[in-house]
PDB file of all heavy atoms in Angstrom:
ATOM      1  N   ILE A   1       0.851  -1.223  -0.028  1.00  0.00           N
ATOM      2  CA  ILE A   1      -0.006   0.014   0.017  1.00  0.00           C
ATOM      3  C   ILE A   1       0.853   1.251  -0.007  1.00  0.00           C
ATOM      4  O   ILE A   1       0.599   2.196  -0.748  1.00  0.00           O
ATOM      5  CB  ILE A   1      -0.957  -0.022   1.215  1.00  0.00           C
ATOM      6  CG1 ILE A   1      -1.944  -1.172   1.111  1.00  0.00           C
ATOM      7  CG2 ILE A   1      -1.685   1.314   1.369  1.00  0.00           C
ATOM      8  CD1 ILE A   1      -2.836  -1.337   2.317  1.00  0.00           C
ATOM      9  N   GLU A   2       1.923   1.220   0.814  1.00  0.00           N
ATOM     10  CA  GLU A   2       2.825   2.418   0.882  1.00  0.00           C
ATOM     11  C   GLU A   2       3.526   2.604  -0.456  1.00  0.00           C
ATOM     12  O   GLU A   2       3.662   3.740  -0.893  1.00  0.00           O
ATOM     13  CB  GLU A   2       3.825   2.161   2.010  1.00  0.00           C
ATOM     14  CG  GLU A   2       4.766   3.351   2.173  1.00  0.00           C
ATOM     15  CD  GLU A   2       5.797   3.100   3.296  1.00  0.00           C
ATOM     16  OE1 GLU A   2       5.679   2.054   3.964  1.00  0.00           O
ATOM     17  OE2 GLU A   2       6.672   3.927   3.465  1.00  0.00           O
ATOM     18  N   LYS A   3       3.929   1.560  -1.091  1.00  0.00           N
ATOM     19  CA  LYS A   3       4.672   1.665  -2.344  1.00  0.00           C
ATOM     20  C   LYS A   3       3.819   2.168  -3.483  1.00  0.00           C
ATOM     21  O   LYS A   3       4.195   3.096  -4.202  1.00  0.00           O
ATOM     22  CB  LYS A   3       5.282   0.284  -2.707  1.00  0.00           C
ATOM     23  CG  LYS A   3       6.008   0.284  -4.049  1.00  0.00           C
ATOM     24  CD  LYS A   3       6.559  -1.078  -4.369  1.00  0.00           C
ATOM     25  CE  LYS A   3       7.240  -1.076  -5.748  1.00  0.00           C
ATOM     26  NZ  LYS A   3       7.827  -2.379  -6.060  1.00  0.00           N
ATOM     27  N   PHE A   4       2.628   1.538  -3.657  1.00  0.00           N
ATOM     28  CA  PHE A   4       1.835   1.857  -4.830  1.00  0.00           C
ATOM     29  C   PHE A   4       0.859   2.996  -4.625  1.00  0.00           C
ATOM     30  O   PHE A   4       0.139   3.345  -5.552  1.00  0.00           O
ATOM     31  CB  PHE A   4       1.075   0.623  -5.304  1.00  0.00           C
ATOM     32  CG  PHE A   4       1.995  -0.406  -5.924  1.00  0.00           C
ATOM     33  CD1 PHE A   4       2.514  -1.492  -5.221  1.00  0.00           C
ATOM     34  CD2 PHE A   4       2.415  -0.232  -7.243  1.00  0.00           C
ATOM     35  CE1 PHE A   4       3.376  -2.389  -5.803  1.00  0.00           C
ATOM     36  CE2 PHE A   4       3.262  -1.130  -7.847  1.00  0.00           C
ATOM     37  CZ  PHE A   4       3.724  -2.220  -7.129  1.00  0.00           C
ATOM     38  N   ASN A   5       0.804   3.556  -3.435  1.00  0.00           N
ATOM     39  CA  ASN A   5       0.003   4.764  -3.229  1.00  0.00           C
ATOM     40  C   ASN A   5       0.853   5.997  -3.172  1.00  0.00           C
ATOM     41  O   ASN A   5       0.367   7.106  -2.895  1.00  0.00           O
ATOM     42  CB  ASN A   5      -0.849   4.644  -1.932  1.00  0.00           C
ATOM     43  CG  ASN A   5      -2.048   3.758  -2.135  1.00  0.00           C
ATOM     44  OD1 ASN A   5      -3.121   4.224  -2.566  1.00  0.00           O
ATOM     45  ND2 ASN A   5      -1.901   2.482  -1.821  1.00  0.00           N
ATOM     46  N   ASN A   6       2.152   5.833  -3.348  1.00  0.00           N
ATOM     47  CA  ASN A   6       3.089   6.937  -3.474  1.00  0.00           C
ATOM     48  C   ASN A   6       3.160   7.327  -4.940  1.00  0.00           C
ATOM     49  O   ASN A   6       3.654   6.570  -5.781  1.00  0.00           O
ATOM     50  CB  ASN A   6       4.477   6.552  -2.945  1.00  0.00           C
ATOM     51  CG  ASN A   6       5.409   7.731  -2.891  1.00  0.00           C
ATOM     52  OD1 ASN A   6       5.475   8.521  -3.806  1.00  0.00           O
ATOM     53  ND2 ASN A   6       6.187   7.788  -1.823  1.00  0.00           N
ATOM     54  N   SER A   7       2.672   8.508  -5.308  1.00  0.00           N
ATOM     55  CA  SER A   7       2.561   8.895  -6.731  1.00  0.00           C
ATOM     56  C   SER A   7       3.902   8.926  -7.428  1.00  0.00           C
ATOM     57  O   SER A   7       4.062   8.543  -8.584  1.00  0.00           O
ATOM     58  CB  SER A   7       1.850  10.247  -6.863  1.00  0.00           C
ATOM     59  OG  SER A   7       2.578  11.240  -6.136  1.00  0.00           O
ATOM     60  N   GLU A   8       4.983   9.400  -6.715  1.00  0.00           N
ATOM     61  CA  GLU A   8       6.301   9.523  -7.354  1.00  0.00           C
ATOM     62  C   GLU A   8       6.879   8.164  -7.656  1.00  0.00           C
ATOM     63  O   GLU A   8       7.362   7.901  -8.762  1.00  0.00           O
ATOM     64  CB  GLU A   8       7.241  10.306  -6.456  1.00  0.00           C
ATOM     65  CG  GLU A   8       6.800  11.786  -6.275  1.00  0.00           C
ATOM     66  CD  GLU A   8       7.759  12.545  -5.399  1.00  0.00           C
ATOM     67  OE1 GLU A   8       8.764  11.922  -4.942  1.00  0.00           O
ATOM     68  OE2 GLU A   8       7.531  13.736  -5.178  1.00  0.00           O
ATOM     69  N   VAL A   9       6.778   7.233  -6.706  1.00  0.00           N
ATOM     70  CA  VAL A   9       7.301   5.891  -6.913  1.00  0.00           C
ATOM     71  C   VAL A   9       6.495   5.183  -7.991  1.00  0.00           C
ATOM     72  O   VAL A   9       7.044   4.516  -8.880  1.00  0.00           O
ATOM     73  CB  VAL A   9       7.213   5.074  -5.578  1.00  0.00           C
ATOM     74  CG1 VAL A   9       7.623   3.629  -5.839  1.00  0.00           C
ATOM     75  CG2 VAL A   9       8.134   5.700  -4.522  1.00  0.00           C
ATOM     76  N   ASP A  10       5.175   5.382  -7.969  1.00  0.00           N
ATOM     77  CA  ASP A  10       4.313   4.763  -8.956  1.00  0.00           C
ATOM     78  C   ASP A  10       4.614   5.247 -10.346  1.00  0.00           C
ATOM     79  O   ASP A  10       4.714   4.480 -11.288  1.00  0.00           O
ATOM     80  CB  ASP A  10       2.841   5.068  -8.613  1.00  0.00           C
ATOM     81  CG  ASP A  10       1.883   4.278  -9.485  1.00  0.00           C
ATOM     82  OD1 ASP A  10       2.160   3.128  -9.742  1.00  0.00           O
ATOM     83  OD2 ASP A  10       0.890   4.834  -9.915  1.00  0.00           O
ATOM     84  N   THR A  11       4.853   6.551 -10.461  1.00  0.00           N
ATOM     85  CA  THR A  11       5.147   7.149 -11.814  1.00  0.00           C
ATOM     86  C   THR A  11       6.494   6.624 -12.297  1.00  0.00           C
ATOM     87  O   THR A  11       6.644   6.222 -13.463  1.00  0.00           O
ATOM     88  CB  THR A  11       5.165   8.652 -11.720  1.00  0.00           C
ATOM     89  OG1 THR A  11       3.880   9.112 -11.251  1.00  0.00           O
ATOM     90  CG2 THR A  11       5.457   9.274 -13.068  1.00  0.00           C
ATOM     91  N   GLU A  12       7.503   6.590 -11.397  1.00  0.00           N
ATOM     92  CA  GLU A  12       8.806   6.103 -11.777  1.00  0.00           C
ATOM     93  C   GLU A  12       8.761   4.630 -12.216  1.00  0.00           C
ATOM     94  O   GLU A  12       9.364   4.243 -13.206  1.00  0.00           O
ATOM     95  CB  GLU A  12       9.764   6.244 -10.586  1.00  0.00           C
ATOM     96  CG  GLU A  12      11.203   5.814 -10.921  1.00  0.00           C
ATOM     97  CD  GLU A  12      12.100   6.029  -9.706  1.00  0.00           C
ATOM     98  OE1 GLU A  12      11.599   6.541  -8.690  1.00  0.00           O
ATOM     99  OE2 GLU A  12      13.246   5.584  -9.758  1.00  0.00           O
ATOM    100  N   TYR A  13       7.939   3.847 -11.493  1.00  0.00           N
ATOM    101  CA  TYR A  13       7.810   2.428 -11.852  1.00  0.00           C
ATOM    102  C   TYR A  13       7.158   2.275 -13.228  1.00  0.00           C
ATOM    103  O   TYR A  13       7.618   1.468 -14.039  1.00  0.00           O
ATOM    104  CB  TYR A  13       7.011   1.705 -10.787  1.00  0.00           C
ATOM    105  CG  TYR A  13       6.655   0.293 -11.241  1.00  0.00           C
ATOM    106  CD1 TYR A  13       7.590  -0.694 -11.178  1.00  0.00           C
ATOM    107  CD2 TYR A  13       5.399   0.010 -11.777  1.00  0.00           C
ATOM    108  CE1 TYR A  13       7.319  -1.970 -11.622  1.00  0.00           C
ATOM    109  CE2 TYR A  13       5.122  -1.263 -12.194  1.00  0.00           C
ATOM    110  CZ  TYR A  13       6.076  -2.258 -12.146  1.00  0.00           C
ATOM    111  OH  TYR A  13       5.766  -3.497 -12.542  1.00  0.00           O
ATOM    112  N   GLN A  14       6.145   3.074 -13.477  1.00  0.00           N
ATOM    113  CA  GLN A  14       5.453   2.935 -14.750  1.00  0.00           C
ATOM    114  C   GLN A  14       6.400   3.268 -15.932  1.00  0.00           C
ATOM    115  O   GLN A  14       6.356   2.631 -16.975  1.00  0.00           O
ATOM    116  CB  GLN A  14       4.242   3.885 -14.792  1.00  0.00           C
ATOM    117  CG  GLN A  14       3.137   3.533 -13.806  1.00  0.00           C
ATOM    118  CD  GLN A  14       2.430   2.275 -14.201  1.00  0.00           C
ATOM    119  OE1 GLN A  14       2.718   1.683 -15.222  1.00  0.00           O
ATOM    120  NE2 GLN A  14       1.525   1.804 -13.318  1.00  0.00           N
ATOM    121  N   GLN A  15       7.256   4.301 -15.686  1.00  0.00           N
ATOM    122  CA  GLN A  15       8.179   4.669 -16.758  1.00  0.00           C
ATOM    123  C   GLN A  15       9.248   3.561 -16.968  1.00  0.00           C
ATOM    124  O   GLN A  15       9.598   3.247 -18.096  1.00  0.00           O
ATOM    125  CB  GLN A  15       8.861   5.960 -16.400  1.00  0.00           C
ATOM    126  CG  GLN A  15       7.906   7.179 -16.447  1.00  0.00           C
ATOM    127  CD  GLN A  15       8.529   8.427 -15.930  1.00  0.00           C
ATOM    128  OE1 GLN A  15       9.375   8.416 -15.044  1.00  0.00           O
ATOM    129  NE2 GLN A  15       8.171   9.573 -16.535  1.00  0.00           N
ATOM    130  N   ASP A  16       9.727   2.989 -15.854  1.00  0.00           N
ATOM    131  CA  ASP A  16      10.716   1.935 -15.965  1.00  0.00           C
ATOM    132  C   ASP A  16      10.104   0.726 -16.654  1.00  0.00           C
ATOM    133  O   ASP A  16      10.803  -0.013 -17.378  1.00  0.00           O
ATOM    134  CB  ASP A  16      11.241   1.559 -14.609  1.00  0.00           C
ATOM    135  CG  ASP A  16      12.084   2.700 -13.985  1.00  0.00           C
ATOM    136  OD1 ASP A  16      12.502   3.551 -14.769  1.00  0.00           O
ATOM    137  OD2 ASP A  16      12.254   2.678 -12.772  1.00  0.00           O
ATOM    138  N   GLY A  17       8.836   0.468 -16.440  1.00  0.00           N
ATOM    139  CA  GLY A  17       8.187  -0.698 -17.014  1.00  0.00           C
ATOM    140  C   GLY A  17       7.845  -0.523 -18.474  1.00  0.00           C
ATOM    141  O   GLY A  17       7.404  -1.474 -19.118  1.00  0.00           O
ATOM    142  N   GLY A  18       8.081   0.663 -19.006  1.00  0.00           N
ATOM    143  CA  GLY A  18       7.788   0.907 -20.417  1.00  0.00           C
ATOM    144  C   GLY A  18       6.325   0.980 -20.727  1.00  0.00           C
ATOM    145  O   GLY A  18       5.966   0.763 -21.871  1.00  0.00           O
ATOM    146  N   ASN A  19       5.491   1.267 -19.723  1.00  0.00           N
ATOM    147  CA  ASN A  19       4.058   1.282 -19.964  1.00  0.00           C
ATOM    148  C   ASN A  19       3.675   2.717 -20.418  1.00  0.00           C
ATOM    149  O   ASN A  19       3.455   3.595 -19.566  1.00  0.00           O
ATOM    150  CB  ASN A  19       3.276   0.919 -18.714  1.00  0.00           C
ATOM    151  CG  ASN A  19       1.835   0.720 -18.987  1.00  0.00           C
ATOM    152  OD1 ASN A  19       1.265   1.258 -19.935  1.00  0.00           O
ATOM    153  ND2 ASN A  19       1.181  -0.032 -18.116  1.00  0.00           N
ATOM    154  N   GLU A  20       3.700   2.942 -21.666  1.00  0.00           N
ATOM    155  CA  GLU A  20       3.491   4.284 -22.222  1.00  0.00           C
ATOM    156  C   GLU A  20       2.120   4.820 -21.858  1.00  0.00           C
ATOM    157  O   GLU A  20       1.946   6.018 -21.516  1.00  0.00           O
ATOM    158  CB  GLU A  20       3.669   4.256 -23.751  1.00  0.00           C
ATOM    159  CG  GLU A  20       3.519   5.628 -24.392  1.00  0.00           C
ATOM    160  CD  GLU A  20       3.650   5.519 -25.908  1.00  0.00           C
ATOM    161  OE1 GLU A  20       4.027   4.434 -26.375  1.00  0.00           O
ATOM    162  OE2 GLU A  20       3.360   6.502 -26.566  1.00  0.00           O
ATOM    163  N   GLU A  21       1.128   3.968 -21.942  1.00  0.00           N
ATOM    164  CA  GLU A  21      -0.260   4.427 -21.713  1.00  0.00           C
ATOM    165  C   GLU A  21      -0.420   4.817 -20.247  1.00  0.00           C
ATOM    166  O   GLU A  21      -1.020   5.834 -19.941  1.00  0.00           O
ATOM    167  CB  GLU A  21      -1.246   3.289 -22.052  1.00  0.00           C
ATOM    168  CG  GLU A  21      -2.667   3.728 -22.068  1.00  0.00           C
ATOM    169  CD  GLU A  21      -3.560   2.661 -22.636  1.00  0.00           C
ATOM    170  OE1 GLU A  21      -3.037   1.832 -23.420  1.00  0.00           O
ATOM    171  OE2 GLU A  21      -4.737   2.635 -22.316  1.00  0.00           O
ATOM    172  N   ALA A  22       0.116   4.000 -19.300  1.00  0.00           N
ATOM    173  CA  ALA A  22       0.002   4.348 -17.882  1.00  0.00           C
ATOM    174  C   ALA A  22       0.796   5.607 -17.576  1.00  0.00           C
ATOM    175  O   ALA A  22       0.412   6.385 -16.687  1.00  0.00           O
ATOM    176  CB  ALA A  22       0.483   3.191 -17.038  1.00  0.00           C
ATOM    177  N   THR A  23       1.925   5.838 -18.305  1.00  0.00           N
ATOM    178  CA  THR A  23       2.713   7.049 -18.060  1.00  0.00           C
ATOM    179  C   THR A  23       1.912   8.295 -18.399  1.00  0.00           C
ATOM    180  O   THR A  23       1.987   9.309 -17.722  1.00  0.00           O
ATOM    181  CB  THR A  23       4.007   6.993 -18.913  1.00  0.00           C
ATOM    182  OG1 THR A  23       4.730   5.816 -18.572  1.00  0.00           O
ATOM    183  CG2 THR A  23       4.884   8.205 -18.614  1.00  0.00           C
ATOM    184  N   ARG A  24       1.142   8.204 -19.459  1.00  0.00           N
ATOM    185  CA  ARG A  24       0.351   9.352 -19.845  1.00  0.00           C
ATOM    186  C   ARG A  24      -0.750   9.622 -18.816  1.00  0.00           C
ATOM    187  O   ARG A  24      -1.130  10.756 -18.534  1.00  0.00           O
ATOM    188  CB  ARG A  24      -0.358   9.104 -21.190  1.00  0.00           C
ATOM    189  CG  ARG A  24       0.627   9.078 -22.350  1.00  0.00           C
ATOM    190  CD  ARG A  24      -0.111   9.287 -23.648  1.00  0.00           C
ATOM    191  NE  ARG A  24      -1.131   8.276 -23.862  1.00  0.00           N
ATOM    192  CZ  ARG A  24      -0.914   7.103 -24.510  1.00  0.00           C
ATOM    193  NH1 ARG A  24       0.306   6.841 -24.983  1.00  0.00           N
ATOM    194  NH2 ARG A  24      -1.865   6.251 -24.671  1.00  0.00           N
ATOM    195  N   LEU A  25      -1.277   8.562 -18.178  1.00  0.00           N
ATOM    196  CA  LEU A  25      -2.299   8.738 -17.169  1.00  0.00           C
ATOM    197  C   LEU A  25      -1.668   9.205 -15.842  1.00  0.00           C
ATOM    198  O   LEU A  25      -2.396   9.755 -15.004  1.00  0.00           O
ATOM    199  CB  LEU A  25      -3.018   7.427 -16.942  1.00  0.00           C
ATOM    200  CG  LEU A  25      -3.824   6.926 -18.149  1.00  0.00           C
ATOM    201  CD1 LEU A  25      -4.411   5.556 -17.848  1.00  0.00           C
ATOM    202  CD2 LEU A  25      -4.951   7.904 -18.460  1.00  0.00           C
ATOM    203  N   ASN A  26      -0.388   9.017 -15.614  1.00  0.00           N
ATOM    204  CA  ASN A  26       0.285   9.414 -14.374  1.00  0.00           C
ATOM    205  C   ASN A  26       1.486  10.321 -14.735  1.00  0.00           C
ATOM    206  O   ASN A  26       2.614   9.882 -14.764  1.00  0.00           O
ATOM    207  CB  ASN A  26       0.818   8.202 -13.572  1.00  0.00           C
ATOM    208  CG  ASN A  26      -0.356   7.367 -13.108  1.00  0.00           C
ATOM    209  OD1 ASN A  26      -0.934   7.568 -12.099  1.00  0.00           O
ATOM    210  ND2 ASN A  26      -0.633   6.285 -13.910  1.00  0.00           N
ATOM    211  N   PRO A  27       1.250  11.565 -15.067  1.00  0.00           N
ATOM    212  CA  PRO A  27       2.340  12.471 -15.496  1.00  0.00           C
ATOM    213  C   PRO A  27       3.381  12.656 -14.403  1.00  0.00           C
ATOM    214  O   PRO A  27       3.099  12.580 -13.238  1.00  0.00           O
ATOM    215  CB  PRO A  27       1.611  13.770 -15.846  1.00  0.00           C
ATOM    216  CG  PRO A  27       0.342  13.747 -15.041  1.00  0.00           C
ATOM    217  CD  PRO A  27      -0.033  12.266 -14.984  1.00  0.00           C
ATOM    218  N   VAL A  28       4.636  12.972 -14.903  1.00  0.00           N
ATOM    219  CA  VAL A  28       5.722  13.148 -13.942  1.00  0.00           C
ATOM    220  C   VAL A  28       5.553  14.437 -13.136  1.00  0.00           C
ATOM    221  O   VAL A  28       5.972  14.481 -11.967  1.00  0.00           O
ATOM    222  CB  VAL A  28       7.069  13.205 -14.755  1.00  0.00           C
ATOM    223  CG1 VAL A  28       8.230  13.471 -13.822  1.00  0.00           C
ATOM    224  CG2 VAL A  28       7.237  11.950 -15.546  1.00  0.00           C
ATOM    225  N   GLN A  29       4.958  15.453 -13.681  1.00  0.00           N
ATOM    226  CA  GLN A  29       4.809  16.693 -12.967  1.00  0.00           C
ATOM    227  C   GLN A  29       4.015  16.544 -11.684  1.00  0.00           C
ATOM    228  O   GLN A  29       3.033  15.817 -11.676  1.00  0.00           O
ATOM    229  CB  GLN A  29       4.099  17.750 -13.850  1.00  0.00           C
ATOM    230  CG  GLN A  29       4.884  18.221 -15.054  1.00  0.00           C
ATOM    231  CD  GLN A  29       4.734  17.244 -16.208  1.00  0.00           C
ATOM    232  OE1 GLN A  29       4.076  16.254 -16.099  1.00  0.00           O
ATOM    233  NE2 GLN A  29       5.386  17.573 -17.338  1.00  0.00           N
ATOM    234  N   PRO A  30       4.520  17.167 -10.614  1.00  0.00           N
ATOM    235  CA  PRO A  30       3.749  17.066  -9.355  1.00  0.00           C
ATOM    236  C   PRO A  30       2.415  17.780  -9.448  1.00  0.00           C
ATOM    237  O   PRO A  30       2.189  18.594 -10.339  1.00  0.00           O
ATOM    238  CB  PRO A  30       4.680  17.820  -8.334  1.00  0.00           C
ATOM    239  CG  PRO A  30       5.503  18.733  -9.155  1.00  0.00           C
ATOM    240  CD  PRO A  30       5.692  18.006 -10.471  1.00  0.00           C
TER     241      PRO A  30
END
């Protein structure tokens, strides 16, 4: 819960995973 409810960690993970669609839904900007 702590890991995947942290927006910064979640966004970084999505980018590392190469999930382009999820990256658009979770922008890097705070």
